[in-house]
Amino acid sequence: MKRRILVVDDEEDLREILKFNLEKEGYEVDTAASSEEALDLDLASYDIMLLDIMMGEISGMALAAMLKRRKETASVPIIFITAKDTEDDTVKGLSLGADDYITKPFKIREVVARVEAVLRRAGNAAVARREGMTGTVVFEGLCIDTAAKRVTVDGADVALTKKEFEILLLLAGNAGRVFSRQDILSRVWDDDVYVLDRTVDVNITRLRKKIGHYGDRIRTRQGYGYSFDK
């Protein structure tokens, strides 16, 4: 499933440039010319938003403040893209809960890299929140203790590597959701480590064997990736 991005900026050329280049990177991109136009959209459906600061009656900062107050959008990452580049502007933007701040003019490669980095951090934070809330992920006799980093199958301990544990937690903790190999790589491997897509396949093959008959629950979705089916 493609990650969804909303670009909100009153400069049409800039919106189209960002849309074109981000779509080339595999994202699904919508645009809005103002905060008012953005508020008519299903904002909770986006994985990240790029907001200009200086727009019409409702500024990008005002829009960000609204989003952070709403439960359904509070966790959606925000990157400000703006010509305002003073230290006070940056501090104010970040204090509102923005995840990053990019000043104009910018290079498209920089924007893409920042988007990818923020999405990775957001994914890791979501896993951490899930661990803190649930403590364990359980499916029949398969139990994942997120605090102790321990997995048991029908009461017996299973020795997993750190990567195998994190892959299992990601898949079983989001049962039914399909993760591409790139999704798994971005969530489980460090940013500065280069690994191949094949590395995911090898780890999942080992993981399936280690968790016994529950290994069949890790399904290969041809052309898409992997999921854990209940």
Protein backbone atom coordinates (compact mmCIF):
# COMPACT_ATOMS: atom_id res chain seq x y z
CA MET A 1 0.00 0.00 0.00
CA LYS A 2 1.37 3.41 -0.98
CA ARG A 3 2.08 5.94 1.76
CA ARG A 4 -0.18 9.00 1.39
CA ILE A 5 1.16 12.54 1.45
CA LEU A 6 -0.76 15.82 1.55
CA VAL A 7 1.00 18.95 0.25
CA VAL A 8 -0.61 22.24 1.32
CA ASP A 9 0.86 25.33 -0.33
CA ASP A 10 -0.60 28.37 -2.09
CA GLU A 11 2.05 28.25 -4.86
CA GLU A 12 0.62 26.08 -7.65
CA ASP A 13 3.99 25.46 -9.33
CA LEU A 14 5.52 24.28 -6.08
CA ARG A 15 2.59 21.97 -5.36
CA GLU A 16 2.90 20.37 -8.78
CA ILE A 17 6.68 19.98 -8.52
CA LEU A 18 6.39 18.26 -5.15
CA LYS A 19 3.50 16.09 -6.32
CA PHE A 20 5.34 14.97 -9.46
CA ASN A 21 8.60 14.13 -7.71
CA LEU A 22 7.07 12.44 -4.66
CA GLU A 23 4.85 10.32 -6.89
CA LYS A 24 8.00 9.27 -8.78
CA GLU A 25 9.26 7.93 -5.43
CA GLY A 26 6.16 5.76 -5.08
CA TYR A 27 4.01 7.92 -2.81
CA GLU A 28 0.34 8.79 -3.35
CA VAL A 29 0.14 12.59 -3.25
CA ASP A 30 -2.79 14.97 -2.87
CA THR A 31 -2.51 18.76 -2.84
CA ALA A 32 -4.46 21.68 -1.42
CA ALA A 33 -4.03 25.39 -2.18
CA SER A 34 -4.97 26.56 1.32
CA SER A 35 -5.59 25.39 4.86
CA GLU A 36 -9.30 25.89 4.29
CA GLU A 37 -9.21 23.53 1.30
CA ALA A 38 -7.17 21.00 3.29
CA LEU A 39 -9.72 20.98 6.12
CA ASP A 40 -12.34 19.62 3.71
CA LEU A 41 -10.23 16.47 3.19
CA ASP A 42 -10.02 13.30 5.29
CA LEU A 43 -6.83 14.44 7.01
CA ALA A 44 -6.55 11.36 9.21
CA SER A 45 -6.02 9.26 6.08
CA TYR A 46 -2.60 10.76 5.34
CA ASP A 47 0.71 9.33 6.51
CA ILE A 48 2.45 12.73 6.47
CA MET A 49 1.71 16.36 5.58
CA LEU A 50 3.90 19.05 4.05
CA LEU A 51 2.60 22.47 5.07
CA ASP A 52 3.56 25.93 3.88
CA ILE A 53 3.46 28.47 6.72
CA MET A 54 2.30 31.67 5.03
CA MET A 55 -1.12 30.96 3.50
CA GLY A 56 -4.35 32.98 3.40
CA GLU A 57 -6.40 33.45 6.56
CA ILE A 58 -5.37 30.17 8.20
CA SER A 59 -1.59 29.84 8.26
CA GLY A 60 0.25 26.54 8.12
CA MET A 61 1.12 26.91 11.79
CA ALA A 62 -2.52 27.51 12.68
CA LEU A 63 -3.50 24.42 10.68
CA ALA A 64 -0.82 22.36 12.42
CA ALA A 65 -2.11 23.49 15.80
CA MET A 66 -5.64 22.39 14.84
CA LEU A 67 -4.40 18.99 13.69
CA LYS A 68 -2.43 18.37 16.87
CA ARG A 69 -5.52 19.15 18.99
CA ARG A 70 -7.64 16.58 17.16
CA LYS A 71 -7.29 13.02 18.39
CA GLU A 72 -7.66 11.52 14.90
CA THR A 73 -4.84 13.63 13.39
CA ALA A 74 -2.59 14.28 16.38
CA SER A 75 -0.11 11.57 15.39
CA VAL A 76 0.12 12.49 11.69
CA PRO A 77 3.67 13.78 11.07
CA ILE A 78 4.07 17.34 9.77
CA ILE A 79 6.93 18.94 7.85
CA PHE A 80 6.85 22.71 7.39
CA ILE A 81 8.11 23.98 4.03
CA THR A 82 8.52 27.73 4.10
CA ALA A 83 10.51 30.81 3.14
CA LYS A 84 10.56 31.87 6.80
CA ASP A 85 13.93 30.75 8.06
CA THR A 86 14.67 32.66 11.25
CA GLU A 87 15.55 30.72 14.39
CA ASP A 88 12.35 31.93 16.12
CA ASP A 89 10.24 30.63 13.22
CA THR A 90 11.94 27.25 13.39
CA VAL A 91 11.52 26.96 17.15
CA LYS A 92 7.87 28.00 16.94
CA GLY A 93 7.17 25.46 14.22
CA LEU A 94 8.83 22.61 16.08
CA SER A 95 7.14 23.61 19.35
CA LEU A 96 3.77 23.06 17.67
CA GLY A 97 4.70 19.43 17.18
CA ALA A 98 6.12 19.60 13.65
CA ASP A 99 8.56 16.82 12.84
CA ASP A 100 10.83 18.79 10.53
CA TYR A 101 11.29 22.22 8.96
CA ILE A 102 12.59 22.83 5.43
CA THR A 103 13.29 26.31 4.09
CA LYS A 104 12.79 27.53 0.52
CA PRO A 105 14.48 27.27 -1.89
CA PHE A 106 15.19 23.58 -1.41
CA LYS A 107 16.40 20.60 -3.41
CA ILE A 108 13.83 17.92 -4.19
CA ARG A 109 16.24 15.21 -3.09
CA GLU A 110 16.41 16.87 0.33
CA VAL A 111 12.61 16.91 0.64
CA VAL A 112 12.37 13.24 -0.34
CA ALA A 113 15.07 12.30 2.17
CA ARG A 114 13.38 14.28 4.95
CA VAL A 115 10.00 12.69 4.18
CA GLU A 116 11.51 9.20 4.30
CA ALA A 117 13.30 9.93 7.58
CA VAL A 118 10.17 11.33 9.27
CA LEU A 119 8.07 8.36 8.13
CA ARG A 120 10.66 5.94 9.51
CA ARG A 121 10.67 7.72 12.87
CA ALA A 122 6.88 7.78 12.92
CA GLY A 123 6.76 4.04 12.24
CA ASN A 124 9.21 3.30 15.05
CA ALA A 125 7.26 5.53 17.44
CA ALA A 126 4.05 3.70 16.58
CA VAL A 127 5.65 0.36 17.42
CA ALA A 128 6.92 1.80 20.70
CA ARG A 129 3.46 3.13 21.58
CA ARG A 130 1.91 -0.22 20.78
CA GLU A 131 4.41 -2.00 23.00
CA GLY A 132 3.72 0.38 25.87
CA MET A 133 -0.04 -0.03 25.59
CA THR A 134 -0.34 -3.75 25.12
CA GLY A 135 2.73 -5.28 26.74
CA THR A 136 2.09 -8.47 24.78
CA VAL A 137 0.80 -9.49 21.37
CA VAL A 138 -1.00 -12.82 21.52
CA PHE A 139 -2.39 -15.13 18.86
CA GLU A 140 -3.61 -18.45 20.23
CA GLY A 141 -0.45 -20.11 21.59
CA LEU A 142 1.92 -17.54 20.09
CA CYS A 143 2.88 -14.88 22.63
CA ILE A 144 5.16 -11.89 22.00
CA ASP A 145 6.23 -10.17 25.23
CA THR A 146 7.32 -6.73 24.03
CA ALA A 147 8.82 -5.65 27.36
CA ALA A 148 10.93 -8.78 27.92
CA LYS A 149 11.64 -9.21 24.18
CA ARG A 150 10.55 -12.80 24.53
CA VAL A 151 8.54 -15.09 22.27
CA THR A 152 6.87 -18.31 23.33
CA VAL A 153 5.05 -20.89 21.23
CA ASP A 154 2.57 -23.03 23.19
CA GLY A 155 4.46 -22.12 26.37
CA ALA A 156 7.95 -22.94 25.07
CA ASP A 157 10.57 -20.21 24.61
CA VAL A 158 11.68 -19.50 21.05
CA ALA A 159 15.13 -18.04 20.44
CA LEU A 160 14.85 -15.24 17.87
CA THR A 161 17.42 -12.76 16.67
CA LYS A 162 16.67 -9.07 17.21
CA LYS A 163 15.64 -8.64 13.57
CA GLU A 164 13.43 -11.74 13.62
CA PHE A 165 11.73 -10.50 16.79
CA GLU A 166 11.08 -7.05 15.31
CA ILE A 167 9.72 -8.50 12.06
CA LEU A 168 7.37 -10.80 13.97
CA LEU A 169 6.19 -7.93 16.19
CA LEU A 170 5.61 -5.70 13.17
CA LEU A 171 3.58 -8.31 11.30
CA ALA A 172 1.66 -9.90 14.18
CA GLY A 173 1.06 -6.53 15.84
CA ASN A 174 -0.60 -5.34 12.62
CA ALA A 175 -2.42 -8.56 11.70
CA GLY A 176 -3.99 -8.44 8.26
CA ARG A 177 -1.92 -5.52 7.02
CA VAL A 178 0.46 -6.16 4.12
CA PHE A 179 4.00 -4.79 4.46
CA SER A 180 6.26 -4.54 1.44
CA ARG A 181 9.89 -5.61 1.75
CA GLN A 182 10.87 -1.94 1.70
CA ASP A 183 8.39 -1.20 4.52
CA ILE A 184 10.00 -3.93 6.63
CA LEU A 185 13.52 -2.77 5.81
CA SER A 186 12.74 0.82 6.76
CA ARG A 187 11.20 -0.19 10.11
CA VAL A 188 13.59 -2.91 11.23
CA TRP A 189 17.03 -2.02 9.86
CA ASP A 190 19.06 1.04 10.85
CA ASP A 191 19.10 3.96 8.40
CA ASP A 192 22.86 3.74 7.84
CA VAL A 193 22.93 0.00 7.08
CA TYR A 194 22.58 -1.04 3.45
CA VAL A 195 20.70 -4.31 3.01
CA LEU A 196 18.99 -6.01 0.10
CA ASP A 197 15.31 -6.90 -0.20
CA ARG A 198 16.43 -10.53 -0.21
CA THR A 199 17.57 -10.07 3.40
CA VAL A 200 13.91 -9.75 4.45
CA ASP A 201 13.03 -13.02 2.68
CA VAL A 202 15.86 -14.88 4.42
CA ASN A 203 14.87 -13.59 7.86
CA ILE A 204 11.21 -14.48 7.33
CA THR A 205 12.12 -18.00 6.14
CA ARG A 206 14.06 -18.54 9.39
CA LEU A 207 11.31 -16.94 11.46
CA ARG A 208 8.63 -19.22 9.99
CA LYS A 209 10.65 -22.30 10.92
CA LYS A 210 11.30 -21.09 14.46
CA ILE A 211 7.65 -20.40 15.35
CA GLY A 212 6.49 -23.83 14.18
CA HIS A 213 2.94 -24.22 12.92
CA TYR A 214 2.32 -20.49 13.43
CA GLY A 215 4.83 -19.86 10.65
CA ASP A 216 2.03 -20.59 8.17
CA ARG A 217 0.33 -17.43 9.43
CA ILE A 218 3.06 -15.31 7.87
CA ARG A 219 1.71 -15.14 4.35
CA THR A 220 3.55 -14.10 1.20
CA ARG A 221 1.46 -11.64 -0.82
CA GLN A 222 2.87 -12.08 -4.29
CA GLY A 223 3.96 -8.77 -5.72
CA TYR A 224 3.16 -6.90 -2.49
CA GLY A 225 5.05 -8.31 0.51
CA TYR A 226 4.12 -10.09 3.70
CA SER A 227 1.28 -10.16 6.24
CA PHE A 228 0.32 -12.03 9.39
CA ASP A 229 -3.13 -13.56 9.03
CA LYS A 230 -5.27 -14.53 11.99
